[in-house]
Every structure is written in structure tokens, then in C-alpha cells.
Amino acid sequence: MNVTDIDDKIIQRARQQHLLDNLRTELSTLTQELVGQVRQSLEAYQRNTTSKLLGDQSADIEQLLQKAAREPGWKAEMVAREEKFGMWIDAMAASHSALTRAIGALDQPTENSQSEAHRLVDGASEVLSKWLDQQHGSTVVDHAIFKKLAAHWERSFFDDMASLGVEPPSVLTRVSDYVPQIVEYVQKIVARGFASHIG
């Protein structure tokens, strides 16, 4: 069995989760700065998702969420145009709800606790992780971070297969075991003029 344990989505998700975990670890209390970061991340997420589809960069997030909730036909039409639209709305709604709660907690000094900060990060994790990746993703270079995520999902896959009564493979090959050979192969393709370096 061949396991693709290196790919752009694994690397990106591992980076995002690592940055989110680091932020969560650093938090000792709910702050205006954290609320500002989440607000920025929500606005960036909207610009990169629904605003592109709707062609309206100035749409109010709250109005958009209300329209999606009140008008299921409109939401279904948007999902027909872009299947990820429902997922985008759900992520924005969760983040907006967490942000609204956090703003209320900031007004109550007794509630500016670490648990409130964690609740905000957890509620906004989908949009916040993408924003953190845009801001700091290039600083994450430890390959153990990427291997950890791939190993988690590989283990989960084999657990699922075992629960279905599927025998484990007799031979298991991971892409990560052959990186030097893959690099050498690609270099030969480039040297022969069949590909070029673009980044």
C-alpha cells in the first residue's frame, strides 16, 4: 500500500494547527489584541471566500450571516454556484459568535480569563488558523510537525479499516521514505527541458 504522507494540504493544515496551538499556549487572558486578531482574520476570510463569490468586498459579515440563515433558498443557490459556500458561512458564523461573546466578556473584567481566550480561539479556529498561516506560516519549518499530522491520519485510517475487518497491508510504502529519489527524478526531468522551476 502506498501512503501519500507529503502533500500541500497536509503541510498547510499542519502549519495552521501548529500556529493555532502556539497561540493558544501563549494566552493567559482575553485581550483586546486577541479580539483584534480574530476580527482581522474574520474579515480576511470573508474577503477570500464569500466576497469573491458575491463580488461585493464591502458586504457586512453580520448581514451576510443573517441572510444565509433567513433565506435558505438563497443559500442553496450560492452552494450550487460554489459548493464550499455553506462551509464558509458555517466557519464565519462560528467565528462571529465567538467574537461577539469575547467582546462581551471584555466588558466584564472578571471574565477576562484564559478560558475565555481559549473559547475565542477555539470558536474562531477555522478562520484564525488560515490568517495565522498567512502571517507566520513561513516560520514553521520543523518537519516533525508535518509528520505528526500525517501519522495521526494514517493511524486513524488503519483504525477505521480494522473496525471494518480489513486486514492491514503486508507492505506499506510512504512517499516520505523516498524524498531523495523523487528529488533526483524531478531534477532529471528539469535537466532534460521537460519542466522548469517556477518559484
N, C-alpha and C. Protein backbone atom coordinates (compact mmCIF):
# COMPACT_ATOMS: atom_id res chain seq x y z
N MET A 1 0.84 -1.18 0.00
CA MET A 1 0.00 0.00 0.00
C MET A 1 0.89 1.24 0.00
N ASN A 2 0.52 2.23 -0.81
CA ASN A 2 1.25 3.48 -0.88
C ASN A 2 0.51 4.54 -0.07
N VAL A 3 1.22 5.24 0.80
CA VAL A 3 0.64 6.30 1.61
C VAL A 3 1.28 7.62 1.19
N THR A 4 0.46 8.55 0.73
CA THR A 4 0.95 9.88 0.40
C THR A 4 0.92 10.71 1.67
N ASP A 5 2.05 10.74 2.35
CA ASP A 5 2.11 11.46 3.63
C ASP A 5 2.77 12.83 3.49
N ILE A 6 3.04 13.23 2.26
CA ILE A 6 3.54 14.57 1.98
C ILE A 6 2.67 15.14 0.88
N ASP A 7 1.99 16.20 1.17
CA ASP A 7 1.30 16.94 0.11
C ASP A 7 0.97 18.32 0.64
N ASP A 8 0.61 19.22 -0.24
CA ASP A 8 0.42 20.61 0.15
C ASP A 8 -0.66 20.79 1.20
N LYS A 9 -1.71 20.00 1.13
CA LYS A 9 -2.80 20.16 2.11
C LYS A 9 -2.38 19.68 3.50
N ILE A 10 -1.61 18.61 3.56
CA ILE A 10 -1.10 18.13 4.85
C ILE A 10 -0.16 19.17 5.45
N ILE A 11 0.74 19.70 4.64
CA ILE A 11 1.70 20.69 5.12
C ILE A 11 0.97 21.94 5.60
N GLN A 12 0.02 22.40 4.81
CA GLN A 12 -0.72 23.61 5.18
C GLN A 12 -1.53 23.41 6.46
N ARG A 13 -2.26 22.32 6.57
CA ARG A 13 -3.08 22.07 7.76
C ARG A 13 -2.21 21.88 9.00
N ALA A 14 -1.07 21.21 8.85
CA ALA A 14 -0.17 21.02 9.98
C ALA A 14 0.39 22.36 10.47
N ARG A 15 0.77 23.21 9.52
CA ARG A 15 1.27 24.54 9.87
C ARG A 15 0.20 25.33 10.61
N GLN A 16 -1.01 25.32 10.06
CA GLN A 16 -2.12 26.07 10.67
C GLN A 16 -2.39 25.59 12.09
N GLN A 17 -2.44 24.28 12.27
CA GLN A 17 -2.73 23.73 13.59
C GLN A 17 -1.61 24.06 14.57
N HIS A 18 -0.37 23.99 14.10
CA HIS A 18 0.78 24.31 14.95
C HIS A 18 0.73 25.77 15.41
N LEU A 19 0.45 26.68 14.49
CA LEU A 19 0.37 28.10 14.84
C LEU A 19 -0.78 28.38 15.80
N LEU A 20 -1.90 27.72 15.57
CA LEU A 20 -3.06 27.87 16.46
C LEU A 20 -2.74 27.34 17.85
N ASP A 21 -2.11 26.18 17.92
CA ASP A 21 -1.72 25.60 19.21
C ASP A 21 -0.75 26.52 19.96
N ASN A 22 0.22 27.09 19.21
CA ASN A 22 1.18 28.00 19.84
C ASN A 22 0.48 29.23 20.41
N LEU A 23 -0.44 29.80 19.64
CA LEU A 23 -1.19 30.97 20.12
C LEU A 23 -1.96 30.62 21.38
N ARG A 24 -2.62 29.50 21.34
CA ARG A 24 -3.43 29.05 22.48
C ARG A 24 -2.56 28.89 23.74
N THR A 25 -1.37 28.33 23.56
CA THR A 25 -0.45 28.11 24.67
C THR A 25 0.04 29.43 25.27
N GLU A 26 0.24 30.43 24.41
CA GLU A 26 0.76 31.72 24.87
C GLU A 26 -0.27 32.56 25.62
N LEU A 27 -1.54 32.25 25.46
CA LEU A 27 -2.59 33.09 26.03
C LEU A 27 -2.75 32.86 27.53
N SER A 28 -2.78 33.96 28.27
CA SER A 28 -3.06 33.85 29.70
C SER A 28 -4.37 34.55 30.06
N THR A 29 -4.83 35.42 29.17
CA THR A 29 -6.08 36.14 29.42
C THR A 29 -6.66 36.64 28.10
N LEU A 30 -7.92 36.96 28.11
CA LEU A 30 -8.57 37.54 26.94
C LEU A 30 -8.15 39.00 26.84
N THR A 31 -7.66 39.40 25.67
CA THR A 31 -7.18 40.77 25.48
C THR A 31 -7.84 41.41 24.26
N GLN A 32 -7.77 42.73 24.24
CA GLN A 32 -8.26 43.48 23.08
C GLN A 32 -7.45 43.10 21.84
N GLU A 33 -6.15 42.84 22.03
CA GLU A 33 -5.28 42.45 20.91
C GLU A 33 -5.76 41.14 20.27
N LEU A 34 -6.10 40.15 21.08
CA LEU A 34 -6.60 38.89 20.55
C LEU A 34 -7.92 39.09 19.82
N VAL A 35 -8.80 39.88 20.40
CA VAL A 35 -10.08 40.18 19.74
C VAL A 35 -9.82 40.84 18.39
N GLY A 36 -8.85 41.75 18.34
CA GLY A 36 -8.49 42.41 17.08
C GLY A 36 -7.95 41.43 16.05
N GLN A 37 -7.14 40.48 16.50
CA GLN A 37 -6.60 39.46 15.58
C GLN A 37 -7.73 38.61 14.99
N VAL A 38 -8.66 38.22 15.84
CA VAL A 38 -9.77 37.40 15.36
C VAL A 38 -10.64 38.21 14.40
N ARG A 39 -10.86 39.47 14.72
CA ARG A 39 -11.66 40.33 13.82
C ARG A 39 -10.96 40.44 12.46
N GLN A 40 -9.65 40.68 12.47
CA GLN A 40 -8.89 40.75 11.22
C GLN A 40 -8.97 39.44 10.44
N SER A 41 -8.86 38.34 11.15
CA SER A 41 -8.88 37.03 10.48
C SER A 41 -10.25 36.77 9.86
N LEU A 42 -11.31 37.19 10.53
CA LEU A 42 -12.66 37.01 10.00
C LEU A 42 -12.87 37.86 8.75
N GLU A 43 -12.39 39.09 8.79
CA GLU A 43 -12.51 39.97 7.62
C GLU A 43 -11.70 39.42 6.44
N ALA A 44 -10.50 38.93 6.71
CA ALA A 44 -9.66 38.35 5.64
C ALA A 44 -10.33 37.11 5.06
N TYR A 45 -10.90 36.29 5.93
CA TYR A 45 -11.58 35.07 5.48
C TYR A 45 -12.75 35.43 4.57
N GLN A 46 -13.51 36.42 4.97
CA GLN A 46 -14.65 36.84 4.15
C GLN A 46 -14.16 37.34 2.79
N ARG A 47 -13.11 38.17 2.79
CA ARG A 47 -12.58 38.69 1.51
C ARG A 47 -12.14 37.56 0.59
N ASN A 48 -11.55 36.52 1.16
CA ASN A 48 -11.00 35.43 0.35
C ASN A 48 -12.03 34.37 -0.02
N THR A 49 -13.23 34.46 0.52
CA THR A 49 -14.23 33.42 0.25
C THR A 49 -15.51 34.03 -0.31
N THR A 50 -16.42 34.39 0.55
CA THR A 50 -17.75 34.82 0.09
C THR A 50 -17.72 36.10 -0.74
N SER A 51 -16.84 37.04 -0.40
CA SER A 51 -16.79 38.30 -1.15
C SER A 51 -16.41 38.06 -2.60
N LYS A 52 -15.51 37.11 -2.84
CA LYS A 52 -15.12 36.80 -4.22
C LYS A 52 -16.31 36.22 -4.98
N LEU A 53 -17.05 35.35 -4.33
CA LEU A 53 -18.21 34.73 -4.99
C LEU A 53 -19.30 35.76 -5.24
N LEU A 54 -19.57 36.60 -4.25
CA LEU A 54 -20.66 37.56 -4.36
C LEU A 54 -20.26 38.83 -5.11
N GLY A 55 -18.95 39.04 -5.27
CA GLY A 55 -18.48 40.23 -5.97
C GLY A 55 -18.67 41.50 -5.17
N ASP A 56 -18.82 41.38 -3.86
CA ASP A 56 -19.04 42.55 -3.01
C ASP A 56 -18.04 42.53 -1.87
N GLN A 57 -17.00 43.34 -1.98
CA GLN A 57 -15.95 43.38 -0.96
C GLN A 57 -16.40 44.12 0.30
N SER A 58 -17.49 44.89 0.21
CA SER A 58 -17.90 45.70 1.35
C SER A 58 -19.07 45.10 2.14
N ALA A 59 -19.48 43.89 1.80
CA ALA A 59 -20.64 43.28 2.46
C ALA A 59 -20.38 43.13 3.96
N ASP A 60 -21.38 43.47 4.74
CA ASP A 60 -21.29 43.35 6.19
C ASP A 60 -21.43 41.88 6.58
N ILE A 61 -20.51 41.40 7.40
CA ILE A 61 -20.50 39.99 7.79
C ILE A 61 -21.80 39.61 8.49
N GLU A 62 -22.23 40.46 9.41
CA GLU A 62 -23.45 40.15 10.16
C GLU A 62 -24.67 40.05 9.24
N GLN A 63 -24.79 40.98 8.29
CA GLN A 63 -25.90 40.94 7.33
C GLN A 63 -25.84 39.69 6.46
N LEU A 64 -24.63 39.33 6.05
CA LEU A 64 -24.45 38.13 5.23
C LEU A 64 -24.89 36.88 5.99
N LEU A 65 -24.49 36.78 7.24
CA LEU A 65 -24.85 35.61 8.06
C LEU A 65 -26.36 35.57 8.30
N GLN A 66 -26.96 36.73 8.54
CA GLN A 66 -28.41 36.78 8.74
C GLN A 66 -29.15 36.37 7.47
N LYS A 67 -28.68 36.84 6.32
CA LYS A 67 -29.33 36.49 5.06
C LYS A 67 -29.23 34.98 4.82
N ALA A 68 -28.08 34.40 5.08
CA ALA A 68 -27.90 32.95 4.90
C ALA A 68 -28.83 32.17 5.82
N ALA A 69 -29.05 32.67 7.03
CA ALA A 69 -29.93 31.99 7.99
C ALA A 69 -31.41 32.17 7.64
N ARG A 70 -31.78 33.36 7.19
CA ARG A 70 -33.18 33.68 6.89
C ARG A 70 -33.65 33.17 5.53
N GLU A 71 -32.73 33.07 4.58
CA GLU A 71 -33.12 32.74 3.21
C GLU A 71 -32.43 31.46 2.74
N PRO A 72 -32.97 30.29 3.13
CA PRO A 72 -32.35 29.03 2.74
C PRO A 72 -32.27 28.84 1.22
N GLY A 73 -33.22 29.42 0.49
CA GLY A 73 -33.20 29.31 -0.97
C GLY A 73 -31.99 30.03 -1.56
N TRP A 74 -31.70 31.22 -1.02
CA TRP A 74 -30.54 31.98 -1.47
C TRP A 74 -29.25 31.23 -1.14
N LYS A 75 -29.20 30.69 0.08
CA LYS A 75 -28.01 29.94 0.49
C LYS A 75 -27.83 28.73 -0.42
N ALA A 76 -28.91 28.03 -0.73
CA ALA A 76 -28.83 26.86 -1.62
C ALA A 76 -28.35 27.27 -3.01
N GLU A 77 -28.79 28.43 -3.47
CA GLU A 77 -28.35 28.94 -4.78
C GLU A 77 -26.84 29.21 -4.76
N MET A 78 -26.36 29.78 -3.66
CA MET A 78 -24.92 30.06 -3.53
C MET A 78 -24.12 28.76 -3.45
N VAL A 79 -24.66 27.77 -2.74
CA VAL A 79 -23.98 26.47 -2.65
C VAL A 79 -23.93 25.81 -4.03
N ALA A 80 -24.98 26.01 -4.83
CA ALA A 80 -24.98 25.46 -6.19
C ALA A 80 -23.90 26.12 -7.05
N ARG A 81 -23.63 27.40 -6.79
CA ARG A 81 -22.58 28.11 -7.53
C ARG A 81 -21.19 27.76 -7.01
N GLU A 82 -21.09 27.54 -5.70
CA GLU A 82 -19.80 27.21 -5.06
C GLU A 82 -20.09 26.28 -3.90
N GLU A 83 -19.71 25.01 -4.06
CA GLU A 83 -20.07 24.01 -3.05
C GLU A 83 -19.49 24.28 -1.67
N LYS A 84 -18.44 25.07 -1.57
CA LYS A 84 -17.84 25.38 -0.27
C LYS A 84 -18.56 26.51 0.46
N PHE A 85 -19.53 27.14 -0.19
CA PHE A 85 -20.20 28.31 0.40
C PHE A 85 -20.79 28.00 1.78
N GLY A 86 -21.46 26.88 1.92
CA GLY A 86 -22.05 26.50 3.20
C GLY A 86 -21.01 26.36 4.29
N MET A 87 -19.87 25.77 3.93
CA MET A 87 -18.77 25.61 4.88
C MET A 87 -18.21 26.98 5.27
N TRP A 88 -18.10 27.87 4.29
CA TRP A 88 -17.60 29.22 4.58
C TRP A 88 -18.53 29.95 5.54
N ILE A 89 -19.83 29.86 5.29
CA ILE A 89 -20.81 30.52 6.15
C ILE A 89 -20.74 29.94 7.57
N ASP A 90 -20.64 28.62 7.68
CA ASP A 90 -20.56 27.99 9.00
C ASP A 90 -19.32 28.46 9.76
N ALA A 91 -18.18 28.53 9.07
CA ALA A 91 -16.94 28.98 9.72
C ALA A 91 -17.05 30.44 10.15
N MET A 92 -17.63 31.26 9.28
CA MET A 92 -17.80 32.67 9.63
C MET A 92 -18.79 32.84 10.78
N ALA A 93 -19.86 32.05 10.78
CA ALA A 93 -20.86 32.14 11.85
C ALA A 93 -20.25 31.74 13.19
N ALA A 94 -19.47 30.67 13.21
CA ALA A 94 -18.83 30.23 14.46
C ALA A 94 -17.86 31.29 14.97
N SER A 95 -17.08 31.86 14.06
CA SER A 95 -16.12 32.89 14.44
C SER A 95 -16.81 34.15 14.92
N HIS A 96 -17.86 34.55 14.22
CA HIS A 96 -18.60 35.76 14.60
C HIS A 96 -19.24 35.58 15.98
N SER A 97 -19.80 34.42 16.23
CA SER A 97 -20.41 34.13 17.52
C SER A 97 -19.37 34.18 18.64
N ALA A 98 -18.21 33.55 18.40
CA ALA A 98 -17.14 33.55 19.40
C ALA A 98 -16.63 34.97 19.64
N LEU A 99 -16.53 35.75 18.57
CA LEU A 99 -16.06 37.12 18.67
C LEU A 99 -17.04 37.99 19.46
N THR A 100 -18.32 37.84 19.18
CA THR A 100 -19.36 38.59 19.89
C THR A 100 -19.32 38.28 21.39
N ARG A 101 -19.18 37.00 21.70
CA ARG A 101 -19.09 36.59 23.11
C ARG A 101 -17.85 37.19 23.78
N ALA A 102 -16.72 37.17 23.06
CA ALA A 102 -15.47 37.69 23.63
C ALA A 102 -15.54 39.20 23.87
N ILE A 103 -16.17 39.92 22.95
CA ILE A 103 -16.32 41.37 23.13
C ILE A 103 -17.15 41.65 24.38
N GLY A 104 -18.19 40.86 24.59
CA GLY A 104 -19.00 40.99 25.81
C GLY A 104 -18.19 40.67 27.06
N ALA A 105 -17.34 39.67 26.97
CA ALA A 105 -16.51 39.28 28.12
C ALA A 105 -15.47 40.35 28.44
N LEU A 106 -14.98 41.05 27.41
CA LEU A 106 -14.01 42.13 27.66
C LEU A 106 -14.62 43.24 28.51
N ASP A 107 -15.92 43.44 28.37
CA ASP A 107 -16.62 44.47 29.15
C ASP A 107 -16.81 44.06 30.61
N GLN A 108 -16.62 42.79 30.90
CA GLN A 108 -16.75 42.26 32.26
C GLN A 108 -15.36 41.81 32.72
N PRO A 109 -14.62 42.65 33.42
CA PRO A 109 -13.24 42.33 33.79
C PRO A 109 -13.08 40.98 34.49
N THR A 110 -14.10 40.54 35.19
CA THR A 110 -13.99 39.26 35.89
C THR A 110 -13.98 38.08 34.92
N GLU A 111 -14.41 38.34 33.67
CA GLU A 111 -14.47 37.26 32.69
C GLU A 111 -13.30 37.27 31.71
N ASN A 112 -12.30 38.13 31.93
CA ASN A 112 -11.15 38.19 31.03
C ASN A 112 -10.15 37.09 31.36
N SER A 113 -10.63 35.88 31.40
CA SER A 113 -9.80 34.77 31.84
C SER A 113 -9.17 34.04 30.66
N GLN A 114 -8.29 33.14 31.01
CA GLN A 114 -7.66 32.30 29.99
C GLN A 114 -8.70 31.43 29.30
N SER A 115 -9.68 30.95 30.05
CA SER A 115 -10.70 30.10 29.44
C SER A 115 -11.51 30.87 28.40
N GLU A 116 -11.76 32.16 28.63
CA GLU A 116 -12.46 32.99 27.63
C GLU A 116 -11.60 33.17 26.39
N ALA A 117 -10.31 33.36 26.59
CA ALA A 117 -9.39 33.49 25.44
C ALA A 117 -9.37 32.20 24.64
N HIS A 118 -9.29 31.08 25.33
CA HIS A 118 -9.29 29.78 24.64
C HIS A 118 -10.61 29.54 23.92
N ARG A 119 -11.71 29.95 24.54
CA ARG A 119 -13.02 29.79 23.91
C ARG A 119 -13.08 30.58 22.60
N LEU A 120 -12.50 31.77 22.59
CA LEU A 120 -12.46 32.59 21.38
C LEU A 120 -11.61 31.92 20.30
N VAL A 121 -10.43 31.46 20.67
CA VAL A 121 -9.54 30.80 19.70
C VAL A 121 -10.20 29.54 19.14
N ASP A 122 -10.81 28.76 20.01
CA ASP A 122 -11.46 27.53 19.56
C ASP A 122 -12.65 27.82 18.65
N GLY A 123 -13.44 28.82 19.00
CA GLY A 123 -14.61 29.16 18.20
C GLY A 123 -14.26 29.73 16.83
N ALA A 124 -13.13 30.41 16.77
CA ALA A 124 -12.70 31.05 15.51
C ALA A 124 -11.58 30.28 14.83
N SER A 125 -11.36 29.04 15.24
CA SER A 125 -10.18 28.30 14.77
C SER A 125 -10.07 28.18 13.26
N GLU A 126 -11.17 27.98 12.57
CA GLU A 126 -11.12 27.80 11.12
C GLU A 126 -10.60 29.05 10.41
N VAL A 127 -11.11 30.21 10.78
CA VAL A 127 -10.67 31.44 10.12
C VAL A 127 -9.34 31.93 10.70
N LEU A 128 -9.16 31.78 11.99
CA LEU A 128 -7.94 32.25 12.65
C LEU A 128 -6.72 31.46 12.19
N SER A 129 -6.86 30.15 12.02
CA SER A 129 -5.71 29.34 11.60
C SER A 129 -5.23 29.73 10.21
N LYS A 130 -6.14 30.05 9.31
CA LYS A 130 -5.76 30.48 7.96
C LYS A 130 -5.04 31.83 8.00
N TRP A 131 -5.55 32.74 8.82
CA TRP A 131 -4.93 34.06 8.95
C TRP A 131 -3.53 33.94 9.57
N LEU A 132 -3.41 33.13 10.62
CA LEU A 132 -2.10 32.93 11.24
C LEU A 132 -1.11 32.33 10.24
N ASP A 133 -1.60 31.43 9.39
CA ASP A 133 -0.74 30.82 8.38
C ASP A 133 -0.26 31.86 7.38
N GLN A 134 -1.14 32.76 6.98
CA GLN A 134 -0.74 33.83 6.06
C GLN A 134 0.30 34.74 6.70
N GLN A 135 0.15 34.99 7.99
CA GLN A 135 1.05 35.91 8.70
C GLN A 135 2.39 35.26 9.07
N HIS A 136 2.34 34.00 9.51
CA HIS A 136 3.53 33.39 10.12
C HIS A 136 3.88 32.00 9.57
N GLY A 137 3.19 31.56 8.54
CA GLY A 137 3.41 30.20 8.03
C GLY A 137 4.84 29.91 7.62
N SER A 138 5.54 30.91 7.11
CA SER A 138 6.91 30.69 6.64
C SER A 138 7.88 30.40 7.78
N THR A 139 7.47 30.66 9.02
CA THR A 139 8.35 30.40 10.16
C THR A 139 8.29 28.95 10.63
N VAL A 140 7.32 28.19 10.14
CA VAL A 140 7.15 26.80 10.56
C VAL A 140 7.94 25.91 9.60
N VAL A 141 9.07 25.39 10.07
CA VAL A 141 9.94 24.60 9.20
C VAL A 141 10.29 23.22 9.76
N ASP A 142 9.85 22.93 10.96
CA ASP A 142 10.16 21.65 11.59
C ASP A 142 9.34 20.53 10.94
N HIS A 143 10.01 19.60 10.26
CA HIS A 143 9.31 18.53 9.54
C HIS A 143 8.56 17.59 10.48
N ALA A 144 8.94 17.55 11.75
CA ALA A 144 8.23 16.70 12.71
C ALA A 144 6.77 17.13 12.85
N ILE A 145 6.50 18.42 12.66
CA ILE A 145 5.13 18.94 12.74
C ILE A 145 4.28 18.33 11.65
N PHE A 146 4.83 18.25 10.44
CA PHE A 146 4.09 17.70 9.30
C PHE A 146 3.92 16.19 9.43
N LYS A 147 4.99 15.52 9.89
CA LYS A 147 4.92 14.06 10.06
C LYS A 147 3.88 13.67 11.11
N LYS A 148 3.78 14.48 12.16
CA LYS A 148 2.84 14.20 13.25
C LYS A 148 1.41 14.17 12.73
N LEU A 149 1.04 15.15 11.91
CA LEU A 149 -0.32 15.19 11.36
C LEU A 149 -0.57 14.01 10.42
N ALA A 150 0.39 13.74 9.54
CA ALA A 150 0.24 12.62 8.61
C ALA A 150 0.11 11.30 9.37
N ALA A 151 0.92 11.13 10.42
CA ALA A 151 0.87 9.90 11.22
C ALA A 151 -0.48 9.76 11.93
N HIS A 152 -1.01 10.87 12.40
CA HIS A 152 -2.32 10.84 13.06
C HIS A 152 -3.39 10.30 12.12
N TRP A 153 -3.45 10.83 10.89
CA TRP A 153 -4.49 10.41 9.95
C TRP A 153 -4.23 9.02 9.39
N GLU A 154 -2.97 8.65 9.28
CA GLU A 154 -2.66 7.28 8.86
C GLU A 154 -3.16 6.29 9.91
N ARG A 155 -2.88 6.59 11.17
CA ARG A 155 -3.34 5.75 12.28
C ARG A 155 -4.87 5.68 12.30
N SER A 156 -5.51 6.81 12.11
CA SER A 156 -6.97 6.86 12.09
C SER A 156 -7.53 6.00 10.96
N PHE A 157 -6.90 6.07 9.79
CA PHE A 157 -7.33 5.28 8.64
C PHE A 157 -7.23 3.78 8.95
N PHE A 158 -6.09 3.37 9.50
CA PHE A 158 -5.92 1.94 9.79
C PHE A 158 -6.83 1.47 10.92
N ASP A 159 -7.13 2.35 11.88
CA ASP A 159 -8.11 2.00 12.91
C ASP A 159 -9.48 1.78 12.29
N ASP A 160 -9.87 2.66 11.37
CA ASP A 160 -11.16 2.50 10.67
C ASP A 160 -11.19 1.20 9.88
N MET A 161 -10.11 0.92 9.18
CA MET A 161 -10.05 -0.31 8.38
C MET A 161 -10.17 -1.54 9.28
N ALA A 162 -9.48 -1.51 10.42
CA ALA A 162 -9.54 -2.63 11.36
C ALA A 162 -10.96 -2.82 11.89
N SER A 163 -11.65 -1.71 12.17
CA SER A 163 -13.02 -1.82 12.68
C SER A 163 -13.97 -2.37 11.62
N LEU A 164 -13.60 -2.24 10.35
CA LEU A 164 -14.40 -2.81 9.26
C LEU A 164 -13.97 -4.24 8.92
N GLY A 165 -12.95 -4.72 9.62
CA GLY A 165 -12.48 -6.08 9.38
C GLY A 165 -11.52 -6.21 8.20
N VAL A 166 -10.95 -5.10 7.76
CA VAL A 166 -9.99 -5.12 6.65
C VAL A 166 -8.61 -5.40 7.22
N GLU A 167 -7.95 -6.38 6.63
CA GLU A 167 -6.59 -6.75 7.06
C GLU A 167 -5.61 -5.62 6.77
N PRO A 168 -4.62 -5.44 7.62
CA PRO A 168 -3.61 -4.41 7.33
C PRO A 168 -2.77 -4.82 6.12
N PRO A 169 -2.18 -3.85 5.42
CA PRO A 169 -1.38 -4.19 4.24
C PRO A 169 -0.13 -4.98 4.63
N SER A 170 0.31 -5.84 3.73
CA SER A 170 1.53 -6.60 4.00
C SER A 170 2.77 -5.76 3.76
N VAL A 171 2.66 -4.77 2.88
CA VAL A 171 3.77 -3.85 2.61
C VAL A 171 3.22 -2.43 2.63
N LEU A 172 3.90 -1.56 3.33
CA LEU A 172 3.47 -0.17 3.43
C LEU A 172 4.61 0.73 2.97
N THR A 173 4.34 1.56 1.98
CA THR A 173 5.33 2.49 1.45
C THR A 173 4.82 3.91 1.63
N ARG A 174 5.66 4.76 2.19
CA ARG A 174 5.29 6.17 2.37
C ARG A 174 6.10 7.03 1.41
N VAL A 175 5.48 8.04 0.87
CA VAL A 175 6.18 8.97 -0.02
C VAL A 175 7.39 9.57 0.70
N SER A 176 7.24 9.87 1.99
CA SER A 176 8.33 10.50 2.74
C SER A 176 9.58 9.62 2.82
N ASP A 177 9.42 8.31 2.59
CA ASP A 177 10.58 7.41 2.60
C ASP A 177 11.42 7.54 1.34
N TYR A 178 10.89 8.22 0.32
CA TYR A 178 11.57 8.28 -0.98
C TYR A 178 11.82 9.70 -1.47
N VAL A 179 11.88 10.65 -0.58
CA VAL A 179 12.08 12.05 -0.99
C VAL A 179 13.37 12.24 -1.79
N PRO A 180 14.52 11.71 -1.37
CA PRO A 180 15.73 11.92 -2.16
C PRO A 180 15.60 11.38 -3.60
N GLN A 181 14.99 10.21 -3.75
CA GLN A 181 14.82 9.64 -5.08
C GLN A 181 13.85 10.48 -5.92
N ILE A 182 12.81 11.00 -5.30
CA ILE A 182 11.84 11.83 -6.02
C ILE A 182 12.51 13.13 -6.47
N VAL A 183 13.30 13.74 -5.60
CA VAL A 183 14.01 14.97 -5.96
C VAL A 183 14.95 14.71 -7.13
N GLU A 184 15.70 13.62 -7.07
CA GLU A 184 16.62 13.27 -8.15
C GLU A 184 15.87 13.06 -9.47
N TYR A 185 14.75 12.38 -9.42
CA TYR A 185 13.93 12.12 -10.60
C TYR A 185 13.43 13.42 -11.22
N VAL A 186 12.93 14.32 -10.38
CA VAL A 186 12.41 15.60 -10.87
C VAL A 186 13.54 16.44 -11.45
N GLN A 187 14.71 16.41 -10.83
CA GLN A 187 15.85 17.16 -11.35
C GLN A 187 16.23 16.68 -12.75
N LYS A 188 16.12 15.38 -13.00
CA LYS A 188 16.40 14.85 -14.34
C LYS A 188 15.38 15.36 -15.36
N ILE A 189 14.13 15.42 -14.96
CA ILE A 189 13.08 15.94 -15.85
C ILE A 189 13.36 17.40 -16.20
N VAL A 190 13.75 18.19 -15.21
CA VAL A 190 14.07 19.60 -15.43
C VAL A 190 15.30 19.72 -16.33
N ALA A 191 16.33 18.91 -16.06
CA ALA A 191 17.56 18.96 -16.85
C ALA A 191 17.32 18.64 -18.33
N ARG A 192 16.35 17.81 -18.60
CA ARG A 192 16.03 17.45 -19.99
C ARG A 192 15.11 18.46 -20.66
N GLY A 193 14.70 19.49 -19.92
CA GLY A 193 13.88 20.55 -20.51
C GLY A 193 12.40 20.25 -20.55
N PHE A 194 11.96 19.22 -19.84
CA PHE A 194 10.54 18.87 -19.83
C PHE A 194 9.77 19.55 -18.69
N ALA A 195 10.48 20.29 -17.86
CA ALA A 195 9.86 21.03 -16.76
C ALA A 195 10.80 22.17 -16.39
N SER A 196 10.29 23.11 -15.62
CA SER A 196 11.14 24.22 -15.19
C SER A 196 10.77 24.63 -13.78
N HIS A 197 11.70 25.28 -13.13
CA HIS A 197 11.48 25.77 -11.77
C HIS A 197 10.71 27.08 -11.85
N ILE A 198 9.61 27.21 -11.10
CA ILE A 198 8.80 28.44 -11.19
C ILE A 198 8.63 29.14 -9.86
N GLY A 199 9.41 28.88 -8.89
CA GLY A 199 9.13 29.58 -7.64
C GLY A 199 10.26 29.60 -6.74
